[in-house]
PDB file of N, CA and C in Angstrom:
ATOM      1  N   MET A   1     -10.542  12.411 -30.520  1.00  0.00           N
ATOM      2  CA  MET A   1      -9.797  13.069 -29.124  1.00  0.00           C
ATOM      3  C   MET A   1      -9.781  11.483 -28.288  1.00  0.00           C
ATOM      4  N   GLN A   2     -10.805  11.107 -28.281  1.00  0.00           N
ATOM      5  CA  GLN A   2     -10.954   9.650 -27.442  1.00  0.00           C
ATOM      6  C   GLN A   2      -9.792   8.401 -27.390  1.00  0.00           C
ATOM      7  N   ILE A   3      -9.711   8.400 -29.128  1.00  0.00           N
ATOM      8  CA  ILE A   3      -8.441   7.586 -29.447  1.00  0.00           C
ATOM      9  C   ILE A   3      -7.263   8.048 -28.931  1.00  0.00           C
ATOM     10  N   ARG A   4      -6.647   9.353 -29.260  1.00  0.00           N
ATOM     11  CA  ARG A   4      -5.675   9.978 -28.756  1.00  0.00           C
ATOM     12  C   ARG A   4      -5.322   9.801 -27.334  1.00  0.00           C
ATOM     13  N   TYR A   5      -6.544  10.129 -26.514  1.00  0.00           N
ATOM     14  CA  TYR A   5      -6.530  10.473 -25.247  1.00  0.00           C
ATOM     15  C   TYR A   5      -5.892   8.839 -24.780  1.00  0.00           C
ATOM     16  N   ASN A   6      -6.826   7.819 -25.221  1.00  0.00           N
ATOM     17  CA  ASN A   6      -6.442   6.252 -25.014  1.00  0.00           C
ATOM     18  C   ASN A   6      -4.725   5.763 -25.206  1.00  0.00           C
ATOM     19  N   THR A   7      -4.597   6.508 -26.541  1.00  0.00           N
ATOM     20  CA  THR A   7      -2.875   6.178 -26.641  1.00  0.00           C
ATOM     21  C   THR A   7      -2.267   7.087 -25.661  1.00  0.00           C
ATOM     22  N   HIS A   8      -2.266   8.030 -25.192  1.00  0.00           N
ATOM     23  CA  HIS A   8      -1.537   8.870 -24.599  1.00  0.00           C
ATOM     24  C   HIS A   8      -1.764   7.766 -22.971  1.00  0.00           C
ATOM     25  N   ARG A   9      -2.765   7.767 -22.615  1.00  0.00           N
ATOM     26  CA  ARG A   9      -3.088   7.329 -21.547  1.00  0.00           C
ATOM     27  C   ARG A   9      -2.234   5.967 -21.485  1.00  0.00           C
ATOM     28  N   THR A  10      -2.242   4.810 -22.258  1.00  0.00           N
ATOM     29  CA  THR A  10      -1.818   3.791 -22.378  1.00  0.00           C
ATOM     30  C   THR A  10       0.012   3.879 -22.165  1.00  0.00           C
ATOM     31  N   THR A  11       0.143   4.779 -23.283  1.00  0.00           N
ATOM     32  CA  THR A  11       1.784   4.893 -23.713  1.00  0.00           C
ATOM     33  C   THR A  11       2.467   5.082 -21.860  1.00  0.00           C
ATOM     34  N   ARG A  12       1.686   6.363 -21.611  1.00  0.00           N
ATOM     35  CA  ARG A  12       1.965   6.956 -20.032  1.00  0.00           C
ATOM     36  C   ARG A  12       1.735   5.946 -18.746  1.00  0.00           C
ATOM     37  N   ASN A  13       1.112   5.052 -18.791  1.00  0.00           N
ATOM     38  CA  ASN A  13       0.688   4.180 -17.644  1.00  0.00           C
ATOM     39  C   ASN A  13       2.170   3.069 -18.042  1.00  0.00           C
ATOM     40  N   SER A  14       2.161   2.673 -19.159  1.00  0.00           N
ATOM     41  CA  SER A  14       3.512   1.689 -19.262  1.00  0.00           C
ATOM     42  C   SER A  14       4.853   2.325 -18.924  1.00  0.00           C
ATOM     43  N   GLN A  15       5.371   3.876 -19.290  1.00  0.00           N
ATOM     44  CA  GLN A  15       5.979   4.373 -18.825  1.00  0.00           C
ATOM     45  C   GLN A  15       6.473   4.727 -17.452  1.00  0.00           C
ATOM     46  N   LYS A  16       5.239   4.898 -16.856  1.00  0.00           N
ATOM     47  CA  LYS A  16       5.107   5.067 -15.430  1.00  0.00           C
ATOM     48  C   LYS A  16       5.226   3.609 -14.522  1.00  0.00           C
ATOM     49  N   ARG A  17       5.016   3.020 -15.126  1.00  0.00           N
ATOM     50  CA  ARG A  17       5.044   1.266 -14.022  1.00  0.00           C
ATOM     51  C   ARG A  17       6.159   0.812 -14.514  1.00  0.00           C
ATOM     52  N   ALA A  18       6.902   0.884 -15.497  1.00  0.00           N
ATOM     53  CA  ALA A  18       8.483   0.998 -15.365  1.00  0.00           C
ATOM     54  C   ALA A  18       9.339   1.599 -14.755  1.00  0.00           C
ATOM     55  N   GLU A  19       9.030   2.994 -14.594  1.00  0.00           N
ATOM     56  CA  GLU A  19       9.690   3.927 -13.282  1.00  0.00           C
ATOM     57  C   GLU A  19       9.364   3.260 -12.159  1.00  0.00           C
ATOM     58  N   LEU A  20       8.277   3.250 -12.070  1.00  0.00           N
ATOM     59  CA  LEU A  20       7.855   2.514 -10.521  1.00  0.00           C
ATOM     60  C   LEU A  20       8.483   1.558 -10.082  1.00  0.00           C
ATOM     61  N   LEU A  21       8.607   0.357 -11.028  1.00  0.00           N
ATOM     62  CA  LEU A  21       9.170  -0.957 -10.518  1.00  0.00           C
ATOM     63  C   LEU A  21      10.812  -0.976 -10.767  1.00  0.00           C
ATOM     64  N   ASP A  22      11.377  -0.172 -11.551  1.00  0.00           N
ATOM     65  CA  ASP A  22      12.622  -0.311 -11.361  1.00  0.00           C
ATOM     66  C   ASP A  22      13.300   0.103 -10.236  1.00  0.00           C
ATOM     67  N   ALA A  23      14.440  -0.991 -10.033  1.00  0.00           N
ATOM     68  CA  ALA A  23      15.670  -1.188  -8.905  1.00  0.00           C
ATOM     69  C   ALA A  23      15.490   0.290  -8.730  1.00  0.00           C
ATOM     70  N   SER A  24      15.869   1.151  -9.516  1.00  0.00           N
ATOM     71  CA  SER A  24      16.906   2.607  -9.092  1.00  0.00           C
ATOM     72  C   SER A  24      15.598   3.627  -8.711  1.00  0.00           C
ATOM     73  N   PHE A  25      14.305   3.250  -9.049  1.00  0.00           N
ATOM     74  CA  PHE A  25      13.608   4.479  -8.279  1.00  0.00           C
ATOM     75  C   PHE A  25      13.604   4.891  -6.680  1.00  0.00           C
ATOM     76  N   LYS A  26      13.929   6.460  -6.784  1.00  0.00           N
ATOM     77  CA  LYS A  26      13.979   6.876  -5.468  1.00  0.00           C
ATOM     78  C   LYS A  26      13.059   7.274  -5.178  1.00  0.00           C
ATOM     79  N   GLY A  27      11.869   7.334  -5.265  1.00  0.00           N
ATOM     80  CA  GLY A  27      10.349   7.883  -4.876  1.00  0.00           C
ATOM     81  C   GLY A  27       9.987   8.905  -5.636  1.00  0.00           C
ATOM     82  N   VAL A  28       8.803   9.443  -5.410  1.00  0.00           N
ATOM     83  CA  VAL A  28       7.871  10.351  -5.852  1.00  0.00           C
ATOM     84  C   VAL A  28       8.490  11.864  -5.809  1.00  0.00           C
ATOM     85  N   VAL A  29       8.180  12.071  -6.614  1.00  0.00           N
ATOM     86  CA  VAL A  29       8.462  13.722  -6.577  1.00  0.00           C
ATOM     87  C   VAL A  29       7.226  14.770  -6.143  1.00  0.00           C
ATOM     88  N   VAL A  30       7.336  15.342  -5.147  1.00  0.00           N
ATOM     89  CA  VAL A  30       5.726  16.212  -4.949  1.00  0.00           C
ATOM     90  C   VAL A  30       6.030  17.600  -5.528  1.00  0.00           C
ATOM     91  N   ASP A  31       4.775  17.637  -6.169  1.00  0.00           N
ATOM     92  CA  ASP A  31       4.710  18.958  -7.141  1.00  0.00           C
ATOM     93  C   ASP A  31       4.520  20.109  -6.107  1.00  0.00           C
ATOM     94  N   ASP A  32       5.440  21.020  -6.470  1.00  0.00           N
ATOM     95  CA  ASP A  32       5.266  22.487  -5.578  1.00  0.00           C
ATOM     96  C   ASP A  32       4.509  23.059  -5.517  1.00  0.00           C
ATOM     97  N   ILE A  33       3.601  22.974  -6.578  1.00  0.00           N
ATOM     98  CA  ILE A  33       2.069  23.973  -6.756  1.00  0.00           C
ATOM     99  C   ILE A  33       1.432  23.177  -5.496  1.00  0.00           C
ATOM    100  N   LEU A  34       0.861  21.871  -6.031  1.00  0.00           N
ATOM    101  CA  LEU A  34       0.100  20.853  -5.063  1.00  0.00           C
ATOM    102  C   LEU A  34       0.566  21.022  -3.890  1.00  0.00           C
ATOM    103  N   LEU A  35       1.579  21.282  -3.231  1.00  0.00           N
ATOM    104  CA  LEU A  35       2.122  21.374  -1.929  1.00  0.00           C
ATOM    105  C   LEU A  35       1.927  22.884  -1.486  1.00  0.00           C
ATOM    106  N   ARG A  36       1.952  23.743  -2.288  1.00  0.00           N
ATOM    107  CA  ARG A  36       1.383  24.895  -1.321  1.00  0.00           C
ATOM    108  C   ARG A  36      -0.188  25.407  -1.573  1.00  0.00           C
ATOM    109  N   LEU A  37      -0.910  24.555  -2.629  1.00  0.00           N
ATOM    110  CA  LEU A  37      -2.088  24.444  -2.323  1.00  0.00           C
ATOM    111  C   LEU A  37      -2.665  23.511  -1.194  1.00  0.00           C
ATOM    112  N   HIS A  38      -2.132  22.882  -0.872  1.00  0.00           N
ATOM    113  CA  HIS A  38      -2.608  21.605   0.243  1.00  0.00           C
ATOM    114  C   HIS A  38      -2.378  22.399   1.192  1.00  0.00           C
ATOM    115  N   ASP A  39      -0.927  23.025   1.306  1.00  0.00           N
ATOM    116  CA  ASP A  39      -0.860  23.923   2.783  1.00  0.00           C
ATOM    117  C   ASP A  39      -0.307  25.284   2.991  1.00  0.00           C
ATOM    118  N   PRO A  40      -1.436  25.795   2.778  1.00  0.00           N
ATOM    119  CA  PRO A  40      -1.045  27.266   2.635  1.00  0.00           C
ATOM    120  C   PRO A  40       0.120  27.924   3.785  1.00  0.00           C
ATOM    121  N   SER A  41       0.596  27.341   4.696  1.00  0.00           N
ATOM    122  CA  SER A  41       1.515  28.053   5.922  1.00  0.00           C
ATOM    123  C   SER A  41       2.766  27.996   4.891  1.00  0.00           C
ATOM    124  N   ILE A  42       2.730  27.183   3.970  1.00  0.00           N
ATOM    125  CA  ILE A  42       4.094  27.442   3.131  1.00  0.00           C
ATOM    126  C   ILE A  42       4.435  28.701   2.596  1.00  0.00           C
ATOM    127  N   GLU A  43       3.026  28.885   1.530  1.00  0.00           N
ATOM    128  CA  GLU A  43       3.197  30.236   1.339  1.00  0.00           C
ATOM    129  C   GLU A  43       2.163  30.838   1.158  1.00  0.00           C
ATOM    130  N   PRO A  44       1.828  31.599   2.126  1.00  0.00           N
ATOM    131  CA  PRO A  44       0.735  32.451   2.638  1.00  0.00           C
ATOM    132  C   PRO A  44      -0.065  33.289   1.543  1.00  0.00           C
ATOM    133  N   GLY A  45      -0.990  33.029   0.957  1.00  0.00           N
ATOM    134  CA  GLY A  45      -1.475  33.856  -0.193  1.00  0.00           C
ATOM    135  C   GLY A  45      -1.237  33.642  -1.436  1.00  0.00           C
ATOM    136  N   TYR A  46      -0.504  32.241  -1.762  1.00  0.00           N
ATOM    137  CA  TYR A  46       0.128  31.670  -3.423  1.00  0.00           C
ATOM    138  C   TYR A  46      -1.426  31.457  -3.898  1.00  0.00           C
ATOM    139  N   VAL A  47      -1.270  31.668  -5.161  1.00  0.00           N
ATOM    140  CA  VAL A  47      -2.378  31.277  -5.904  1.00  0.00           C
ATOM    141  C   VAL A  47      -1.907  31.061  -7.334  1.00  0.00           C
ATOM    142  N   ASP A  48      -2.533  29.624  -7.620  1.00  0.00           N
ATOM    143  CA  ASP A  48      -2.138  28.527  -8.735  1.00  0.00           C
ATOM    144  C   ASP A  48      -2.782  29.593  -9.829  1.00  0.00           C
ATOM    145  N   THR A  49      -1.858  30.031 -10.859  1.00  0.00           N
ATOM    146  CA  THR A  49      -2.461  30.699 -11.903  1.00  0.00           C
ATOM    147  C   THR A  49      -2.518  29.838 -13.219  1.00  0.00           C
ATOM    148  N   ARG A  50      -2.236  28.735 -13.031  1.00  0.00           N
ATOM    149  CA  ARG A  50      -2.094  27.742 -14.281  1.00  0.00           C
ATOM    150  C   ARG A  50      -4.096  27.627 -14.835  1.00  0.00           C
ATOM    151  N   TYR A  51      -4.047  26.959 -15.715  1.00  0.00           N
ATOM    152  CA  TYR A  51      -5.226  26.585 -16.375  1.00  0.00           C
ATOM    153  C   TYR A  51      -5.543  25.056 -16.463  1.00  0.00           C
ATOM    154  N   CYS A  52      -7.049  24.648 -16.534  1.00  0.00           N
ATOM    155  CA  CYS A  52      -6.840  23.298 -16.358  1.00  0.00           C
ATOM    156  C   CYS A  52      -8.419  22.877 -16.933  1.00  0.00           C
ATOM    157  N   LEU A  53      -8.115  21.723 -17.783  1.00  0.00           N
ATOM    158  CA  LEU A  53      -9.223  21.403 -18.491  1.00  0.00           C
ATOM    159  C   LEU A  53      -9.426  19.920 -17.728  1.00  0.00           C
ATOM    160  N   VAL A  54     -10.750  19.665 -16.988  1.00  0.00           N
ATOM    161  CA  VAL A  54     -10.749  18.295 -16.552  1.00  0.00           C
ATOM    162  C   VAL A  54     -11.598  17.404 -17.126  1.00  0.00           C
ATOM    163  N   PHE A  55     -11.663  16.461 -17.617  1.00  0.00           N
ATOM    164  CA  PHE A  55     -13.072  15.662 -17.869  1.00  0.00           C
ATOM    165  C   PHE A  55     -13.531  14.555 -16.431  1.00  0.00           C
ATOM    166  N   TRP A  56     -14.711  14.448 -16.433  1.00  0.00           N
ATOM    167  CA  TRP A  56     -14.809  13.827 -15.261  1.00  0.00           C
ATOM    168  C   TRP A  56     -15.626  12.126 -15.958  1.00  0.00           C
ATOM    169  N   ALA A  57     -15.186  11.572 -15.295  1.00  0.00           N
ATOM    170  CA  ALA A  57     -16.392  10.078 -15.840  1.00  0.00           C
ATOM    171  C   ALA A  57     -16.349   9.438 -14.678  1.00  0.00           C
ATOM    172  N   ARG A  58     -17.509   8.467 -14.606  1.00  0.00           N
ATOM    173  CA  ARG A  58     -17.961   7.477 -13.971  1.00  0.00           C
ATOM    174  C   ARG A  58     -17.291   6.183 -13.962  1.00  0.00           C
ATOM    175  N   PRO A  59     -15.878   5.923 -12.759  1.00  0.00           N
ATOM    176  CA  PRO A  59     -15.297   4.865 -13.240  1.00  0.00           C
ATOM    177  C   PRO A  59     -16.017   3.336 -12.517  1.00  0.00           C
ATOM    178  N   PRO A  60     -15.657   2.480 -13.177  1.00  0.00           N
ATOM    179  CA  PRO A  60     -16.435   1.089 -13.505  1.00  0.00           C
ATOM    180  C   PRO A  60     -16.082   0.555 -11.881  1.00  0.00           C
ATOM    181  N   GLN A  61     -17.192  -0.592 -11.372  1.00  0.00           N
ATOM    182  CA  GLN A  61     -16.695  -0.959 -10.203  1.00  0.00           C
ATOM    183  C   GLN A  61     -15.535  -1.459  -9.456  1.00  0.00           C
ATOM    184  N   LYS A  62     -14.497  -2.147 -10.467  1.00  0.00           N
ATOM    185  CA  LYS A  62     -13.326  -2.555 -10.701  1.00  0.00           C
ATOM    186  C   LYS A  62     -12.330  -1.651 -10.058  1.00  0.00           C
ATOM    187  N   ILE A  63     -12.372  -0.350 -10.684  1.00  0.00           N
ATOM    188  CA  ILE A  63     -12.015   0.765 -10.571  1.00  0.00           C
ATOM    189  C   ILE A  63     -12.062   1.484  -8.878  1.00  0.00           C
ATOM    190  N   LYS A  64     -13.356   1.386  -8.882  1.00  0.00           N
ATOM    191  CA  LYS A  64     -13.816   2.001  -7.319  1.00  0.00           C
ATOM    192  C   LYS A  64     -13.170   0.713  -6.213  1.00  0.00           C
ATOM    193  N   GLN A  65     -13.204  -0.128  -6.549  1.00  0.00           N
ATOM    194  CA  GLN A  65     -12.730  -0.936  -5.397  1.00  0.00           C
ATOM    195  C   GLN A  65     -11.388  -0.969  -5.561  1.00  0.00           C
ATOM    196  N   LEU A  66     -10.501  -0.732  -6.669  1.00  0.00           N
ATOM    197  CA  LEU A  66      -8.688  -0.705  -6.444  1.00  0.00           C
ATOM    198  C   LEU A  66      -8.897   0.810  -5.599  1.00  0.00           C
ATOM    199  N   ILE A  67      -9.655   1.808  -6.156  1.00  0.00           N
ATOM    200  CA  ILE A  67      -9.188   3.376  -5.054  1.00  0.00           C
ATOM    201  C   ILE A  67      -9.594   2.980  -3.503  1.00  0.00           C
ATOM    202  N   ALA A  68     -10.648   2.141  -3.113  1.00  0.00           N
ATOM    203  CA  ALA A  68     -11.064   2.042  -2.015  1.00  0.00           C
ATOM    204  C   ALA A  68      -9.951   1.112  -1.328  1.00  0.00           C
ATOM    205  N   GLU A  69      -9.277   0.326  -2.207  1.00  0.00           N
ATOM    206  CA  GLU A  69      -7.791  -0.475  -1.384  1.00  0.00           C
ATOM    207  C   GLU A  69      -6.585   0.481  -1.250  1.00  0.00           C
ATOM    208  N   VAL A  70      -6.492   1.325  -1.979  1.00  0.00           N
ATOM    209  CA  VAL A  70      -5.848   2.351  -2.205  1.00  0.00           C
ATOM    210  C   VAL A  70      -6.147   3.407  -1.211  1.00  0.00           C
ATOM    211  N   GLN A  71      -6.874   3.735  -1.091  1.00  0.00           N
ATOM    212  CA  GLN A  71      -7.532   4.820  -0.178  1.00  0.00           C
ATOM    213  C   GLN A  71      -7.232   4.129   1.614  1.00  0.00           C
ATOM    214  N   SER A  72      -7.427   2.705   1.695  1.00  0.00           N
ATOM    215  CA  SER A  72      -7.206   2.026   2.786  1.00  0.00           C
ATOM    216  C   SER A  72      -6.041   2.108   3.137  1.00  0.00           C
ATOM    217  N   LYS A  73      -5.172   1.863   2.550  1.00  0.00           N
ATOM    218  CA  LYS A  73      -3.386   2.150   2.583  1.00  0.00           C
ATOM    219  C   LYS A  73      -2.612   3.747   2.734  1.00  0.00           C
ATOM    220  N   LEU A  74      -3.658   4.176   1.912  1.00  0.00           N
ATOM    221  CA  LEU A  74      -3.142   5.794   2.378  1.00  0.00           C
ATOM    222  C   LEU A  74      -3.577   5.971   3.797  1.00  0.00           C
ATOM    223  N   ARG A  75      -5.035   5.735   4.242  1.00  0.00           N
ATOM    224  CA  ARG A  75      -5.387   6.067   5.429  1.00  0.00           C
ATOM    225  C   ARG A  75      -4.392   5.803   6.187  1.00  0.00           C
ATOM    226  N   ALA A  76      -3.627   4.362   6.522  1.00  0.00           N
ATOM    227  CA  ALA A  76      -3.088   3.679   7.221  1.00  0.00           C
ATOM    228  C   ALA A  76      -1.729   4.964   7.375  1.00  0.00           C
ATOM    229  N   VAL A  77      -1.501   5.446   6.522  1.00  0.00           N
ATOM    230  CA  VAL A  77      -0.360   6.366   6.854  1.00  0.00           C
ATOM    231  C   VAL A  77      -0.636   7.718   6.793  1.00  0.00           C
ATOM    232  N   VAL A  78      -1.625   8.376   6.386  1.00  0.00           N
ATOM    233  CA  VAL A  78      -2.033   9.338   6.971  1.00  0.00           C
ATOM    234  C   VAL A  78      -3.870   9.407   7.320  1.00  0.00           C
ATOM    235  N   PRO A  79      -3.498   9.030   8.409  1.00  0.00           N
ATOM    236  CA  PRO A  79      -5.058   8.897   9.409  1.00  0.00           C
ATOM    237  C   PRO A  79      -5.623  10.395   9.373  1.00  0.00           C
ATOM    238  N   SER A  80      -4.743  11.220   9.302  1.00  0.00           N
ATOM    239  CA  SER A  80      -5.759  12.853   9.790  1.00  0.00           C
ATOM    240  C   SER A  80      -6.127  13.669   8.470  1.00  0.00           C
ATOM    241  N   GLU A  81      -5.844  12.595   6.950  1.00  0.00           N
ATOM    242  CA  GLU A  81      -6.457  13.215   5.793  1.00  0.00           C
ATOM    243  C   GLU A  81      -7.976  12.598   5.758  1.00  0.00           C
ATOM    244  N   CYS A  82      -8.667  13.816   4.929  1.00  0.00           N
ATOM    245  CA  CYS A  82     -10.285  13.222   4.393  1.00  0.00           C
ATOM    246  C   CYS A  82     -10.128  12.619   2.990  1.00  0.00           C
ATOM    247  N   PHE A  83     -10.677  11.234   2.977  1.00  0.00           N
ATOM    248  CA  PHE A  83     -11.217  10.832   1.664  1.00  0.00           C
ATOM    249  C   PHE A  83     -12.288  10.732   1.002  1.00  0.00           C
ATOM    250  N   ALA A  84     -12.577  10.602  -0.143  1.00  0.00           N
ATOM    251  CA  ALA A  84     -13.902  10.817  -0.758  1.00  0.00           C
ATOM    252  C   ALA A  84     -14.288   8.963  -0.332  1.00  0.00           C
ATOM    253  N   GLY A  85     -15.416   8.857  -0.230  1.00  0.00           N
ATOM    254  CA  GLY A  85     -15.812   7.427  -0.227  1.00  0.00           C
ATOM    255  C   GLY A  85     -15.939   6.988  -1.604  1.00  0.00           C
ATOM    256  N   PRO A  86     -15.714   5.266  -1.676  1.00  0.00           N
ATOM    257  CA  PRO A  86     -15.534   4.642  -2.717  1.00  0.00           C
ATOM    258  C   PRO A  86     -17.392   5.171  -3.691  1.00  0.00           C
ATOM    259  N   MET A  87     -18.004   5.113  -2.930  1.00  0.00           N
ATOM    260  CA  MET A  87     -19.192   5.554  -3.774  1.00  0.00           C
ATOM    261  C   MET A  87     -19.060   6.844  -4.373  1.00  0.00           C
ATOM    262  N   ALA A  88     -18.247   8.109  -3.821  1.00  0.00           N
ATOM    263  CA  ALA A  88     -18.481   9.422  -4.374  1.00  0.00           C
ATOM    264  C   ALA A  88     -17.155   9.338  -5.268  1.00  0.00           C
ATOM    265  N   MET A  89     -17.388   8.905  -6.304  1.00  0.00           N
ATOM    266  CA  MET A  89     -16.072   9.481  -7.453  1.00  0.00           C
ATOM    267  C   MET A  89     -16.944  10.177  -8.192  1.00  0.00           C
ATOM    268  N   GLN A  90     -16.318  11.346  -7.441  1.00  0.00           N
ATOM    269  CA  GLN A  90     -17.144  12.631  -8.501  1.00  0.00           C
ATOM    270  C   GLN A  90     -16.109  13.810  -7.959  1.00  0.00           C
ATOM    271  N   PRO A  91     -16.254  14.744  -8.852  1.00  0.00           N
ATOM    272  CA  PRO A  91     -15.625  16.421  -8.418  1.00  0.00           C
ATOM    273  C   PRO A  91     -14.965  16.280  -6.963  1.00  0.00           C
ATOM    274  N   PRO A  92     -14.177  16.911  -6.344  1.00  0.00           N
ATOM    275  CA  PRO A  92     -14.184  16.748  -5.255  1.00  0.00           C
ATOM    276  C   PRO A  92     -14.711  17.994  -4.147  1.00  0.00           C
ATOM    277  N   ASP A  93     -15.524  18.368  -3.197  1.00  0.00           N
ATOM    278  CA  ASP A  93     -15.641  19.729  -2.551  1.00  0.00           C
ATOM    279  C   ASP A  93     -14.659  20.211  -1.939  1.00  0.00           C
ATOM    280  N   HIS A  94     -13.904  20.943  -2.888  1.00  0.00           N
ATOM    281  CA  HIS A  94     -13.146  20.944  -1.757  1.00  0.00           C
ATOM    282  C   HIS A  94     -12.694  22.796  -1.652  1.00  0.00           C
ATOM    283  N   ASP A  95     -12.854  22.916  -0.559  1.00  0.00           N
ATOM    284  CA  ASP A  95     -12.662  24.526  -0.241  1.00  0.00           C
ATOM    285  C   ASP A  95     -11.173  25.011   0.299  1.00  0.00           C
ATOM    286  N   GLN A  96     -10.535  25.535  -0.655  1.00  0.00           N
ATOM    287  CA  GLN A  96      -9.192  25.734  -0.563  1.00  0.00           C
ATOM    288  C   GLN A  96      -8.676  26.614   0.835  1.00  0.00           C
ATOM    289  N   THR A  97      -9.582  27.562   1.289  1.00  0.00           N
ATOM    290  CA  THR A  97      -9.165  28.445   1.972  1.00  0.00           C
ATOM    291  C   THR A  97      -9.858  28.084   3.475  1.00  0.00           C
ATOM    292  N   SER A  98     -10.875  27.265   3.613  1.00  0.00           N
ATOM    293  CA  SER A  98     -11.509  27.241   4.985  1.00  0.00           C
ATOM    294  C   SER A  98      -9.984  25.922   5.953  1.00  0.00           C
ATOM    295  N   GLY A  99      -9.949  25.438   5.207  1.00  0.00           N
ATOM    296  CA  GLY A  99      -8.754  24.033   5.762  1.00  0.00           C
ATOM    297  C   GLY A  99      -9.477  23.128   6.201  1.00  0.00           C
ATOM    298  N   SER A 100     -11.078  22.984   6.259  1.00  0.00           N
ATOM    299  CA  SER A 100     -12.347  22.397   6.964  1.00  0.00           C
ATOM    300  C   SER A 100     -11.785  21.040   6.071  1.00  0.00           C
ATOM    301  N   CYS A 101     -12.693  20.006   6.852  1.00  0.00           N
ATOM    302  CA  CYS A 101     -12.281  18.656   6.312  1.00  0.00           C
ATOM    303  C   CYS A 101     -13.457  18.582   5.011  1.00  0.00           C
ATOM    304  N   ARG A 102     -13.658  19.282   4.218  1.00  0.00           N
ATOM    305  CA  ARG A 102     -14.675  19.264   3.254  1.00  0.00           C
ATOM    306  C   ARG A 102     -13.650  18.534   1.854  1.00  0.00           C
ATOM    307  N   LYS A 103     -12.587  18.869   2.046  1.00  0.00           N
ATOM    308  CA  LYS A 103     -11.599  18.720   1.218  1.00  0.00           C
ATOM    309  C   LYS A 103     -11.610  16.842   0.776  1.00  0.00           C
ATOM    310  N   SER A 104     -11.255  16.602  -0.387  1.00  0.00           N
ATOM    311  CA  SER A 104     -11.291  15.194  -0.437  1.00  0.00           C
ATOM    312  C   SER A 104      -9.994  14.833  -1.386  1.00  0.00           C
ATOM    313  N   ILE A 105      -9.412  13.695  -0.942  1.00  0.00           N
ATOM    314  CA  ILE A 105      -8.506  13.189  -2.125  1.00  0.00           C
ATOM    315  C   ILE A 105      -9.242  12.033  -3.027  1.00  0.00           C
ATOM    316  N   CYS A 106      -9.066  12.309  -3.898  1.00  0.00           N
ATOM    317  CA  CYS A 106      -9.674  11.629  -5.241  1.00  0.00           C
ATOM    318  C   CYS A 106      -8.351  11.357  -5.910  1.00  0.00           C
ATOM    319  N   ILE A 107      -8.703   9.851  -6.463  1.00  0.00           N
ATOM    320  CA  ILE A 107      -7.613   9.102  -7.042  1.00  0.00           C
ATOM    321  C   ILE A 107      -7.861   8.932  -8.572  1.00  0.00           C
TER     322      ILE A 107
END
């Protein structure tokens, strides 16, 4: 499983890098499901019925530094959003229903 995931990740990263750097890149596409989960006013009562399997791992320090840089740049664009600190690279404590600032953006 580890070898297959590594192959998948390497291939996908290469493809996405080429897409992002291509001169014809028109921007990111916002996921409709994530948008509805992030902003419940779009479709009140919306429930995501998909299933998901997630693996969590502790990133090395160089990845934590990269995440801190990315979050710093994102914070400049969306200062009202809450971000997990660089030392909090763990599953987010996110309460979809409260809308409180307990949510985290984890990259």
